[in-house]
Amino acid sequence: MGDLLLVRHGETEWSVSGQHTSFTDLPLTERGEQQAKSLAPLLSQRTYALALTSPLGRAVRTAELAGLAGTTADPDLHEWDYGGYEGITSVEIHRTRPGWDLWTDGVPPGPDGHPGESPDEIGRRADRVLSRVAGVLPDGDVILVAHGHFLRVLTARYLGLPPSDGRLFQLATATVSRLSTEHDRPVIAEWNTRP
């Protein structure tokens, strides 16, 4: 049975500034490109049956620079739709909504095509991804290259936790995490690994 390897994309300008970034397709910074390249040794040690990326450029580019070949873009790996909070930091949001918490409150609607998503909606997307890759894991590892909040929700769902428990798993840019099994139970085998 293979493992599920989670790769968060490299640094962008907004990941540095703390701005919520979902549908804004920012490129990696120069440092982000170097971070992505540094992942190659971690990933080259494993054979994989499937590699999926978010359709956004920062994830696709991270996969390329990390040496992953034959990746397929999966729209369900898209980052949380932050709706009206796109490009805004949590500090700015707290000025008008002091008790706001992404993990429990979700976000307000944004521009056309970006209604925002609740934690449960993200959880359903994560469940779809987990359902699709379950049939591949007997053949080897599956690599998912995506975004911080989405991968945190996916981890919670993999462990059988509610989507909002993704808040428990801090995830840095350009890291590899490994979800596995022990005694037929889902476990976190590695988290936030950097070369």
N, C-alpha and C. Protein backbone atom coordinates (compact mmCIF):
# COMPACT_ATOMS: atom_id res chain seq x y z
N MET A 1 0.84 -1.19 0.00
CA MET A 1 0.00 0.00 0.00
C MET A 1 0.88 1.24 0.00
N GLY A 2 0.57 2.18 -0.88
CA GLY A 2 1.34 3.40 -0.96
C GLY A 2 0.92 4.43 0.07
N ASP A 3 1.69 5.50 0.13
CA ASP A 3 1.41 6.62 1.01
C ASP A 3 0.89 7.79 0.20
N LEU A 4 0.27 8.71 0.87
CA LEU A 4 -0.21 9.93 0.27
C LEU A 4 0.77 11.03 0.64
N LEU A 5 1.46 11.57 -0.36
CA LEU A 5 2.45 12.62 -0.13
C LEU A 5 1.82 13.96 -0.48
N LEU A 6 1.85 14.87 0.46
CA LEU A 6 1.28 16.20 0.29
C LEU A 6 2.41 17.20 0.12
N VAL A 7 2.38 17.95 -0.97
CA VAL A 7 3.40 18.96 -1.24
C VAL A 7 2.72 20.31 -1.31
N ARG A 8 3.08 21.20 -0.41
CA ARG A 8 2.57 22.57 -0.51
C ARG A 8 3.48 23.33 -1.46
N HIS A 9 2.87 24.14 -2.31
CA HIS A 9 3.64 24.93 -3.28
C HIS A 9 4.64 25.85 -2.58
N GLY A 10 5.61 26.32 -3.36
CA GLY A 10 6.62 27.24 -2.85
C GLY A 10 6.05 28.63 -2.56
N GLU A 11 6.90 29.45 -2.00
CA GLU A 11 6.52 30.79 -1.57
C GLU A 11 6.03 31.67 -2.72
N THR A 12 5.00 32.48 -2.43
CA THR A 12 4.55 33.55 -3.32
C THR A 12 4.61 34.86 -2.53
N GLU A 13 4.42 35.97 -3.22
CA GLU A 13 4.43 37.26 -2.50
C GLU A 13 3.36 37.28 -1.41
N TRP A 14 2.20 36.72 -1.70
CA TRP A 14 1.11 36.77 -0.73
C TRP A 14 1.28 35.75 0.39
N SER A 15 1.99 34.66 0.15
CA SER A 15 2.22 33.74 1.28
C SER A 15 3.18 34.40 2.28
N VAL A 16 4.04 35.28 1.78
CA VAL A 16 4.94 36.02 2.67
C VAL A 16 4.16 37.09 3.45
N SER A 17 3.28 37.81 2.75
CA SER A 17 2.54 38.91 3.39
C SER A 17 1.36 38.43 4.23
N GLY A 18 0.95 37.17 4.05
CA GLY A 18 -0.19 36.64 4.79
C GLY A 18 -1.53 36.93 4.16
N GLN A 19 -1.53 37.39 2.90
CA GLN A 19 -2.79 37.66 2.21
C GLN A 19 -3.43 36.34 1.77
N HIS A 20 -4.74 36.24 1.94
CA HIS A 20 -5.45 35.03 1.51
C HIS A 20 -5.39 34.92 -0.02
N THR A 21 -4.93 33.79 -0.49
CA THR A 21 -4.69 33.61 -1.93
C THR A 21 -5.35 32.33 -2.40
N SER A 22 -6.46 32.47 -3.10
CA SER A 22 -7.06 31.27 -3.68
C SER A 22 -7.05 31.39 -5.19
N PHE A 23 -7.95 32.17 -5.76
CA PHE A 23 -8.07 32.22 -7.21
C PHE A 23 -7.10 33.19 -7.88
N THR A 24 -6.44 34.06 -7.13
CA THR A 24 -5.42 34.93 -7.71
C THR A 24 -4.20 34.06 -8.00
N ASP A 25 -3.85 33.94 -9.27
CA ASP A 25 -2.82 32.97 -9.66
C ASP A 25 -1.44 33.62 -9.67
N LEU A 26 -0.91 33.84 -8.48
CA LEU A 26 0.41 34.46 -8.33
C LEU A 26 1.52 33.47 -8.67
N PRO A 27 2.60 33.96 -9.26
CA PRO A 27 3.75 33.08 -9.51
C PRO A 27 4.55 32.88 -8.22
N LEU A 28 5.41 31.90 -8.25
CA LEU A 28 6.35 31.71 -7.15
C LEU A 28 7.34 32.87 -7.14
N THR A 29 7.79 33.26 -5.98
CA THR A 29 8.89 34.22 -5.88
C THR A 29 10.17 33.50 -6.28
N GLU A 30 11.25 34.24 -6.40
CA GLU A 30 12.54 33.60 -6.69
C GLU A 30 12.89 32.59 -5.58
N ARG A 31 12.63 32.99 -4.34
CA ARG A 31 12.86 32.07 -3.22
C ARG A 31 11.94 30.85 -3.33
N GLY A 32 10.69 31.07 -3.74
CA GLY A 32 9.74 29.98 -3.91
C GLY A 32 10.21 28.98 -4.96
N GLU A 33 10.82 29.49 -6.03
CA GLU A 33 11.36 28.60 -7.07
C GLU A 33 12.51 27.76 -6.50
N GLN A 34 13.37 28.40 -5.72
CA GLN A 34 14.47 27.65 -5.10
C GLN A 34 13.94 26.61 -4.10
N GLN A 35 12.92 27.00 -3.34
CA GLN A 35 12.30 26.05 -2.42
C GLN A 35 11.77 24.83 -3.17
N ALA A 36 11.07 25.09 -4.28
CA ALA A 36 10.49 23.99 -5.05
C ALA A 36 11.57 23.06 -5.58
N LYS A 37 12.66 23.63 -6.08
CA LYS A 37 13.77 22.81 -6.57
C LYS A 37 14.37 21.96 -5.45
N SER A 38 14.38 22.52 -4.26
CA SER A 38 14.99 21.79 -3.13
C SER A 38 14.19 20.56 -2.73
N LEU A 39 12.94 20.47 -3.17
CA LEU A 39 12.11 19.31 -2.85
C LEU A 39 12.46 18.07 -3.68
N ALA A 40 13.15 18.28 -4.79
CA ALA A 40 13.44 17.17 -5.70
C ALA A 40 14.10 15.97 -5.01
N PRO A 41 15.12 16.16 -4.16
CA PRO A 41 15.71 14.98 -3.51
C PRO A 41 14.73 14.20 -2.63
N LEU A 42 13.82 14.91 -1.96
CA LEU A 42 12.84 14.22 -1.13
C LEU A 42 11.88 13.37 -1.96
N LEU A 43 11.49 13.90 -3.11
CA LEU A 43 10.51 13.21 -3.93
C LEU A 43 11.14 12.17 -4.84
N SER A 44 12.39 12.36 -5.22
CA SER A 44 13.03 11.41 -6.14
C SER A 44 13.34 10.08 -5.47
N GLN A 45 13.29 10.05 -4.15
CA GLN A 45 13.55 8.81 -3.42
C GLN A 45 12.36 7.86 -3.46
N ARG A 46 11.23 8.32 -3.98
CA ARG A 46 10.01 7.52 -3.96
C ARG A 46 9.52 7.30 -5.38
N THR A 47 8.91 6.15 -5.59
CA THR A 47 8.21 5.92 -6.85
C THR A 47 6.74 6.21 -6.58
N TYR A 48 6.06 6.72 -7.57
CA TYR A 48 4.67 7.08 -7.35
C TYR A 48 3.80 6.57 -8.50
N ALA A 49 2.59 6.21 -8.14
CA ALA A 49 1.63 5.70 -9.11
C ALA A 49 0.84 6.83 -9.76
N LEU A 50 0.76 7.97 -9.07
CA LEU A 50 -0.04 9.09 -9.56
C LEU A 50 0.46 10.37 -8.92
N ALA A 51 0.51 11.44 -9.70
CA ALA A 51 0.85 12.77 -9.18
C ALA A 51 -0.18 13.75 -9.71
N LEU A 52 -0.87 14.41 -8.81
CA LEU A 52 -1.90 15.40 -9.16
C LEU A 52 -1.47 16.76 -8.64
N THR A 53 -1.85 17.81 -9.37
CA THR A 53 -1.60 19.17 -8.92
C THR A 53 -2.89 19.96 -8.96
N SER A 54 -2.90 21.01 -8.17
CA SER A 54 -3.93 22.03 -8.34
C SER A 54 -3.74 22.61 -9.74
N PRO A 55 -4.79 23.14 -10.35
CA PRO A 55 -4.62 23.75 -11.67
C PRO A 55 -3.91 25.11 -11.63
N LEU A 56 -3.68 25.66 -10.44
CA LEU A 56 -3.06 26.99 -10.35
C LEU A 56 -1.56 26.91 -10.61
N GLY A 57 -1.05 27.93 -11.26
CA GLY A 57 0.34 27.96 -11.69
C GLY A 57 1.36 27.73 -10.60
N ARG A 58 1.12 28.24 -9.41
CA ARG A 58 2.11 28.09 -8.34
C ARG A 58 2.29 26.63 -7.94
N ALA A 59 1.23 25.84 -8.02
CA ALA A 59 1.33 24.40 -7.72
C ALA A 59 1.94 23.64 -8.89
N VAL A 60 1.50 23.96 -10.11
CA VAL A 60 2.04 23.29 -11.29
C VAL A 60 3.54 23.55 -11.40
N ARG A 61 3.96 24.79 -11.18
CA ARG A 61 5.38 25.15 -11.26
C ARG A 61 6.18 24.45 -10.17
N THR A 62 5.64 24.37 -8.97
CA THR A 62 6.33 23.66 -7.89
C THR A 62 6.56 22.21 -8.29
N ALA A 63 5.54 21.56 -8.85
CA ALA A 63 5.69 20.17 -9.28
C ALA A 63 6.78 20.03 -10.34
N GLU A 64 6.80 20.93 -11.29
CA GLU A 64 7.83 20.89 -12.35
C GLU A 64 9.22 21.03 -11.76
N LEU A 65 9.41 22.05 -10.93
CA LEU A 65 10.73 22.32 -10.36
C LEU A 65 11.17 21.22 -9.40
N ALA A 66 10.22 20.52 -8.79
CA ALA A 66 10.54 19.42 -7.88
C ALA A 66 10.83 18.13 -8.63
N GLY A 67 10.71 18.18 -9.97
CA GLY A 67 11.06 17.02 -10.78
C GLY A 67 9.96 16.00 -10.98
N LEU A 68 8.72 16.39 -10.70
CA LEU A 68 7.61 15.45 -10.89
C LEU A 68 7.20 15.44 -12.36
N ALA A 69 7.19 14.27 -12.95
CA ALA A 69 6.80 14.13 -14.36
C ALA A 69 5.41 13.52 -14.45
N GLY A 70 4.71 13.84 -15.52
CA GLY A 70 3.42 13.22 -15.78
C GLY A 70 2.33 13.60 -14.80
N THR A 71 2.36 14.83 -14.29
CA THR A 71 1.32 15.26 -13.35
C THR A 71 0.03 15.59 -14.11
N THR A 72 -1.06 15.49 -13.41
CA THR A 72 -2.38 15.84 -13.95
C THR A 72 -3.00 16.88 -13.03
N ALA A 73 -3.55 17.94 -13.64
CA ALA A 73 -4.23 18.97 -12.84
C ALA A 73 -5.60 18.46 -12.44
N ASP A 74 -5.94 18.65 -11.17
CA ASP A 74 -7.22 18.23 -10.63
C ASP A 74 -7.89 19.46 -10.02
N PRO A 75 -9.02 19.91 -10.56
CA PRO A 75 -9.66 21.13 -10.04
C PRO A 75 -10.07 21.03 -8.57
N ASP A 76 -10.27 19.83 -8.06
CA ASP A 76 -10.63 19.70 -6.65
C ASP A 76 -9.48 20.03 -5.71
N LEU A 77 -8.25 20.12 -6.23
CA LEU A 77 -7.09 20.48 -5.41
C LEU A 77 -6.89 22.00 -5.30
N HIS A 78 -7.79 22.75 -5.89
CA HIS A 78 -7.74 24.22 -5.83
C HIS A 78 -7.79 24.66 -4.36
N GLU A 79 -7.15 25.78 -4.08
CA GLU A 79 -7.18 26.32 -2.72
C GLU A 79 -8.60 26.74 -2.33
N TRP A 80 -8.84 26.83 -1.05
CA TRP A 80 -10.09 27.32 -0.47
C TRP A 80 -10.47 28.61 -1.20
N ASP A 81 -11.70 28.72 -1.66
CA ASP A 81 -12.17 29.95 -2.28
C ASP A 81 -12.46 30.94 -1.16
N TYR A 82 -11.61 31.95 -1.03
CA TYR A 82 -11.73 32.93 0.05
C TYR A 82 -12.76 34.01 -0.24
N GLY A 83 -13.42 33.94 -1.40
CA GLY A 83 -14.49 34.88 -1.72
C GLY A 83 -14.09 36.33 -1.52
N GLY A 84 -14.85 37.04 -0.70
CA GLY A 84 -14.60 38.46 -0.44
C GLY A 84 -13.34 38.74 0.35
N TYR A 85 -12.69 37.71 0.87
CA TYR A 85 -11.45 37.91 1.63
C TYR A 85 -10.19 37.64 0.80
N GLU A 86 -10.36 37.43 -0.50
CA GLU A 86 -9.21 37.24 -1.37
C GLU A 86 -8.30 38.46 -1.30
N GLY A 87 -7.01 38.22 -1.08
CA GLY A 87 -6.03 39.30 -1.05
C GLY A 87 -5.98 40.07 0.26
N ILE A 88 -6.77 39.67 1.24
CA ILE A 88 -6.84 40.36 2.52
C ILE A 88 -6.20 39.50 3.60
N THR A 89 -5.49 40.13 4.52
CA THR A 89 -4.86 39.38 5.61
C THR A 89 -5.85 39.16 6.76
N SER A 90 -5.56 38.20 7.60
CA SER A 90 -6.40 37.96 8.79
C SER A 90 -6.40 39.18 9.71
N VAL A 91 -5.27 39.86 9.81
CA VAL A 91 -5.18 41.07 10.66
C VAL A 91 -6.18 42.11 10.17
N GLU A 92 -6.26 42.31 8.85
CA GLU A 92 -7.21 43.28 8.29
C GLU A 92 -8.66 42.85 8.55
N ILE A 93 -8.93 41.57 8.39
CA ILE A 93 -10.29 41.06 8.61
C ILE A 93 -10.71 41.28 10.06
N HIS A 94 -9.78 41.03 10.98
CA HIS A 94 -10.10 41.17 12.41
C HIS A 94 -10.42 42.60 12.83
N ARG A 95 -10.03 43.57 12.03
CA ARG A 95 -10.38 44.96 12.35
C ARG A 95 -11.89 45.18 12.31
N THR A 96 -12.57 44.47 11.38
CA THR A 96 -14.02 44.63 11.27
C THR A 96 -14.79 43.43 11.83
N ARG A 97 -14.11 42.28 11.94
CA ARG A 97 -14.74 41.07 12.51
C ARG A 97 -13.77 40.47 13.52
N PRO A 98 -13.68 41.04 14.72
CA PRO A 98 -12.67 40.62 15.70
C PRO A 98 -12.68 39.12 16.03
N GLY A 99 -13.81 38.48 16.02
CA GLY A 99 -13.87 37.07 16.39
C GLY A 99 -13.82 36.11 15.21
N TRP A 100 -13.58 36.65 14.02
CA TRP A 100 -13.63 35.82 12.81
C TRP A 100 -12.58 34.71 12.85
N ASP A 101 -12.99 33.51 12.40
CA ASP A 101 -12.11 32.35 12.31
C ASP A 101 -12.45 31.62 11.01
N LEU A 102 -11.50 31.55 10.10
CA LEU A 102 -11.72 30.89 8.82
C LEU A 102 -12.27 29.49 9.00
N TRP A 103 -11.75 28.77 10.01
CA TRP A 103 -12.07 27.36 10.19
C TRP A 103 -13.48 27.10 10.66
N THR A 104 -14.11 28.09 11.23
CA THR A 104 -15.49 27.90 11.69
C THR A 104 -16.48 28.82 10.99
N ASP A 105 -16.02 29.99 10.54
CA ASP A 105 -16.93 30.99 9.98
C ASP A 105 -16.97 31.02 8.46
N GLY A 106 -15.96 30.46 7.79
CA GLY A 106 -15.93 30.58 6.34
C GLY A 106 -15.67 32.01 5.92
N VAL A 107 -16.15 32.36 4.72
CA VAL A 107 -15.87 33.67 4.15
C VAL A 107 -17.11 34.23 3.47
N PRO A 108 -17.16 35.57 3.27
CA PRO A 108 -18.28 36.17 2.55
C PRO A 108 -18.10 35.98 1.04
N PRO A 109 -19.19 36.12 0.29
CA PRO A 109 -19.07 36.01 -1.17
C PRO A 109 -18.11 37.06 -1.74
N GLY A 110 -17.47 36.68 -2.84
CA GLY A 110 -16.56 37.58 -3.52
C GLY A 110 -17.11 37.96 -4.88
N PRO A 111 -16.23 38.26 -5.84
CA PRO A 111 -16.67 38.62 -7.19
C PRO A 111 -17.34 37.44 -7.89
N ASP A 112 -17.99 37.71 -9.01
CA ASP A 112 -18.67 36.67 -9.77
C ASP A 112 -17.77 35.46 -9.96
N GLY A 113 -18.35 34.29 -9.74
CA GLY A 113 -17.60 33.05 -9.90
C GLY A 113 -16.83 32.65 -8.66
N HIS A 114 -16.83 33.48 -7.64
CA HIS A 114 -16.09 33.20 -6.41
C HIS A 114 -16.98 33.47 -5.20
N PRO A 115 -17.92 32.56 -4.95
CA PRO A 115 -18.87 32.78 -3.87
C PRO A 115 -18.29 32.56 -2.48
N GLY A 116 -17.04 32.09 -2.42
CA GLY A 116 -16.46 31.72 -1.14
C GLY A 116 -16.89 30.31 -0.79
N GLU A 117 -16.17 29.70 0.14
CA GLU A 117 -16.49 28.33 0.54
C GLU A 117 -16.49 28.21 2.06
N SER A 118 -17.34 27.34 2.54
CA SER A 118 -17.38 27.03 3.96
C SER A 118 -16.42 25.88 4.23
N PRO A 119 -16.07 25.64 5.49
CA PRO A 119 -15.23 24.49 5.81
C PRO A 119 -15.84 23.17 5.31
N ASP A 120 -17.16 23.03 5.41
CA ASP A 120 -17.80 21.79 4.96
C ASP A 120 -17.69 21.61 3.44
N GLU A 121 -17.77 22.72 2.70
CA GLU A 121 -17.63 22.62 1.24
C GLU A 121 -16.21 22.18 0.87
N ILE A 122 -15.21 22.72 1.56
CA ILE A 122 -13.83 22.29 1.32
C ILE A 122 -13.69 20.82 1.69
N GLY A 123 -14.31 20.42 2.78
CA GLY A 123 -14.27 19.03 3.21
C GLY A 123 -14.83 18.09 2.16
N ARG A 124 -15.90 18.50 1.49
CA ARG A 124 -16.47 17.65 0.44
C ARG A 124 -15.51 17.52 -0.74
N ARG A 125 -14.82 18.60 -1.09
CA ARG A 125 -13.81 18.50 -2.17
C ARG A 125 -12.68 17.56 -1.76
N ALA A 126 -12.23 17.70 -0.52
CA ALA A 126 -11.16 16.82 -0.02
C ALA A 126 -11.61 15.36 -0.04
N ASP A 127 -12.85 15.12 0.35
CA ASP A 127 -13.38 13.76 0.33
C ASP A 127 -13.39 13.18 -1.08
N ARG A 128 -13.73 14.02 -2.07
CA ARG A 128 -13.72 13.54 -3.46
C ARG A 128 -12.32 13.14 -3.88
N VAL A 129 -11.33 13.96 -3.52
CA VAL A 129 -9.94 13.63 -3.86
C VAL A 129 -9.53 12.32 -3.19
N LEU A 130 -9.82 12.20 -1.92
CA LEU A 130 -9.44 10.98 -1.19
C LEU A 130 -10.13 9.76 -1.78
N SER A 131 -11.35 9.90 -2.19
CA SER A 131 -12.07 8.78 -2.80
C SER A 131 -11.42 8.37 -4.13
N ARG A 132 -11.04 9.36 -4.94
CA ARG A 132 -10.42 9.06 -6.23
C ARG A 132 -9.05 8.39 -6.07
N VAL A 133 -8.25 8.85 -5.12
CA VAL A 133 -6.89 8.29 -5.00
C VAL A 133 -6.87 6.97 -4.25
N ALA A 134 -7.93 6.65 -3.53
CA ALA A 134 -7.96 5.40 -2.77
C ALA A 134 -7.74 4.18 -3.66
N GLY A 135 -8.25 4.22 -4.87
CA GLY A 135 -8.08 3.10 -5.78
C GLY A 135 -6.69 2.98 -6.36
N VAL A 136 -5.90 4.04 -6.24
CA VAL A 136 -4.54 4.04 -6.79
C VAL A 136 -3.51 3.66 -5.72
N LEU A 137 -3.79 3.95 -4.47
CA LEU A 137 -2.82 3.72 -3.39
C LEU A 137 -2.32 2.27 -3.30
N PRO A 138 -3.12 1.25 -3.63
CA PRO A 138 -2.56 -0.10 -3.62
C PRO A 138 -1.41 -0.29 -4.63
N ASP A 139 -1.35 0.59 -5.64
CA ASP A 139 -0.31 0.49 -6.66
C ASP A 139 0.95 1.30 -6.33
N GLY A 140 0.91 2.13 -5.30
CA GLY A 140 2.06 2.94 -4.94
C GLY A 140 1.66 4.28 -4.36
N ASP A 141 2.64 5.13 -4.15
CA ASP A 141 2.40 6.44 -3.58
C ASP A 141 1.58 7.33 -4.53
N VAL A 142 0.85 8.24 -3.93
CA VAL A 142 0.15 9.28 -4.68
C VAL A 142 0.66 10.61 -4.14
N ILE A 143 1.05 11.51 -5.06
CA ILE A 143 1.56 12.82 -4.69
C ILE A 143 0.52 13.87 -5.06
N LEU A 144 0.20 14.74 -4.11
CA LEU A 144 -0.72 15.85 -4.33
C LEU A 144 0.04 17.15 -4.11
N VAL A 145 0.12 17.99 -5.13
CA VAL A 145 0.79 19.28 -5.02
C VAL A 145 -0.30 20.35 -5.02
N ALA A 146 -0.43 21.02 -3.89
CA ALA A 146 -1.56 21.95 -3.77
C ALA A 146 -1.24 23.07 -2.78
N HIS A 147 -2.22 23.45 -1.99
CA HIS A 147 -2.19 24.67 -1.20
C HIS A 147 -2.39 24.38 0.28
N GLY A 148 -1.91 25.30 1.11
CA GLY A 148 -1.88 25.11 2.54
C GLY A 148 -3.21 24.76 3.19
N HIS A 149 -4.21 25.62 3.04
CA HIS A 149 -5.47 25.36 3.72
C HIS A 149 -6.16 24.12 3.17
N PHE A 150 -6.13 23.96 1.85
CA PHE A 150 -6.78 22.76 1.30
C PHE A 150 -6.12 21.48 1.81
N LEU A 151 -4.80 21.44 1.81
CA LEU A 151 -4.10 20.23 2.26
C LEU A 151 -4.33 19.97 3.75
N ARG A 152 -4.49 21.01 4.51
CA ARG A 152 -4.79 20.84 5.94
C ARG A 152 -6.17 20.21 6.14
N VAL A 153 -7.15 20.67 5.35
CA VAL A 153 -8.49 20.07 5.41
C VAL A 153 -8.44 18.62 4.94
N LEU A 154 -7.71 18.37 3.86
CA LEU A 154 -7.59 17.00 3.36
C LEU A 154 -6.98 16.08 4.41
N THR A 155 -6.01 16.57 5.15
CA THR A 155 -5.40 15.78 6.22
C THR A 155 -6.43 15.46 7.30
N ALA A 156 -7.19 16.45 7.70
CA ALA A 156 -8.24 16.21 8.70
C ALA A 156 -9.21 15.14 8.22
N ARG A 157 -9.64 15.25 6.99
CA ARG A 157 -10.61 14.28 6.45
C ARG A 157 -9.98 12.89 6.34
N TYR A 158 -8.71 12.81 5.95
CA TYR A 158 -8.01 11.52 5.86
C TYR A 158 -8.01 10.83 7.23
N LEU A 159 -7.85 11.61 8.28
CA LEU A 159 -7.81 11.08 9.64
C LEU A 159 -9.20 10.86 10.24
N GLY A 160 -10.24 11.18 9.48
CA GLY A 160 -11.60 11.01 9.97
C GLY A 160 -12.10 12.14 10.83
N LEU A 161 -11.43 13.28 10.76
CA LEU A 161 -11.79 14.46 11.56
C LEU A 161 -12.66 15.40 10.73
N PRO A 162 -13.40 16.30 11.38
CA PRO A 162 -14.18 17.29 10.62
C PRO A 162 -13.24 18.26 9.90
N PRO A 163 -13.71 18.85 8.79
CA PRO A 163 -12.86 19.78 8.03
C PRO A 163 -12.25 20.89 8.87
N SER A 164 -13.01 21.40 9.84
CA SER A 164 -12.50 22.51 10.66
C SER A 164 -11.28 22.11 11.49
N ASP A 165 -11.05 20.83 11.68
CA ASP A 165 -9.86 20.40 12.43
C ASP A 165 -8.58 20.53 11.60
N GLY A 166 -8.69 20.96 10.36
CA GLY A 166 -7.51 21.30 9.59
C GLY A 166 -6.71 22.40 10.27
N ARG A 167 -7.36 23.15 11.14
CA ARG A 167 -6.68 24.23 11.88
C ARG A 167 -5.56 23.68 12.77
N LEU A 168 -5.59 22.38 13.05
CA LEU A 168 -4.60 21.77 13.94
C LEU A 168 -3.27 21.46 13.25
N PHE A 169 -3.22 21.60 11.93
CA PHE A 169 -2.05 21.16 11.16
C PHE A 169 -1.40 22.33 10.43
N GLN A 170 -0.50 23.02 11.08
CA GLN A 170 0.22 24.11 10.42
C GLN A 170 1.05 23.53 9.28
N LEU A 171 1.06 24.21 8.14
CA LEU A 171 1.75 23.68 6.97
C LEU A 171 2.52 24.80 6.27
N ALA A 172 3.84 24.70 6.25
CA ALA A 172 4.70 25.72 5.65
C ALA A 172 4.80 25.53 4.14
N THR A 173 5.23 26.58 3.45
CA THR A 173 5.43 26.48 2.01
C THR A 173 6.57 25.53 1.70
N ALA A 174 6.47 24.91 0.53
CA ALA A 174 7.51 24.01 0.00
C ALA A 174 7.93 22.95 1.01
N THR A 175 6.94 22.22 1.50
CA THR A 175 7.20 21.12 2.41
C THR A 175 6.53 19.86 1.86
N VAL A 176 7.02 18.72 2.34
CA VAL A 176 6.43 17.43 2.00
C VAL A 176 5.92 16.81 3.30
N SER A 177 4.69 16.34 3.26
CA SER A 177 4.11 15.62 4.40
C SER A 177 3.62 14.27 3.89
N ARG A 178 3.60 13.29 4.77
CA ARG A 178 3.24 11.93 4.34
C ARG A 178 2.15 11.37 5.23
N LEU A 179 1.04 11.02 4.59
CA LEU A 179 -0.06 10.35 5.27
C LEU A 179 0.04 8.87 4.94
N SER A 180 -0.10 8.04 5.94
CA SER A 180 0.10 6.61 5.75
C SER A 180 -0.93 5.85 6.58
N THR A 181 -0.64 4.58 6.84
CA THR A 181 -1.48 3.77 7.72
C THR A 181 -0.59 3.01 8.69
N GLU A 182 -1.15 2.72 9.84
CA GLU A 182 -0.49 1.87 10.83
C GLU A 182 -1.59 1.00 11.44
N HIS A 183 -1.40 -0.31 11.36
CA HIS A 183 -2.43 -1.24 11.85
C HIS A 183 -3.78 -0.93 11.21
N ASP A 184 -3.73 -0.66 9.89
CA ASP A 184 -4.94 -0.37 9.09
C ASP A 184 -5.68 0.90 9.52
N ARG A 185 -5.00 1.79 10.25
CA ARG A 185 -5.60 3.06 10.63
C ARG A 185 -4.81 4.19 9.98
N PRO A 186 -5.50 5.26 9.56
CA PRO A 186 -4.80 6.40 8.96
C PRO A 186 -3.95 7.13 9.99
N VAL A 187 -2.73 7.50 9.60
CA VAL A 187 -1.81 8.23 10.48
C VAL A 187 -1.04 9.27 9.70
N ILE A 188 -0.49 10.23 10.42
CA ILE A 188 0.49 11.15 9.85
C ILE A 188 1.85 10.53 10.10
N ALA A 189 2.57 10.20 9.03
CA ALA A 189 3.88 9.57 9.16
C ALA A 189 5.00 10.60 9.15
N GLU A 190 4.82 11.70 8.46
CA GLU A 190 5.80 12.82 8.43
C GLU A 190 5.00 14.09 8.21
N TRP A 191 5.53 15.19 8.75
CA TRP A 191 4.81 16.46 8.58
C TRP A 191 5.78 17.61 8.40
N ASN A 192 5.51 18.46 7.43
CA ASN A 192 6.29 19.69 7.21
C ASN A 192 7.77 19.41 6.96
N THR A 193 8.07 18.38 6.23
CA THR A 193 9.47 18.01 5.99
C THR A 193 10.09 18.90 4.91
N ARG A 194 11.27 19.38 5.24
CA ARG A 194 12.07 20.16 4.27
C ARG A 194 13.41 19.46 4.11
N PRO A 195 14.03 19.64 2.96
CA PRO A 195 15.36 19.02 2.76
C PRO A 195 16.40 19.58 3.71
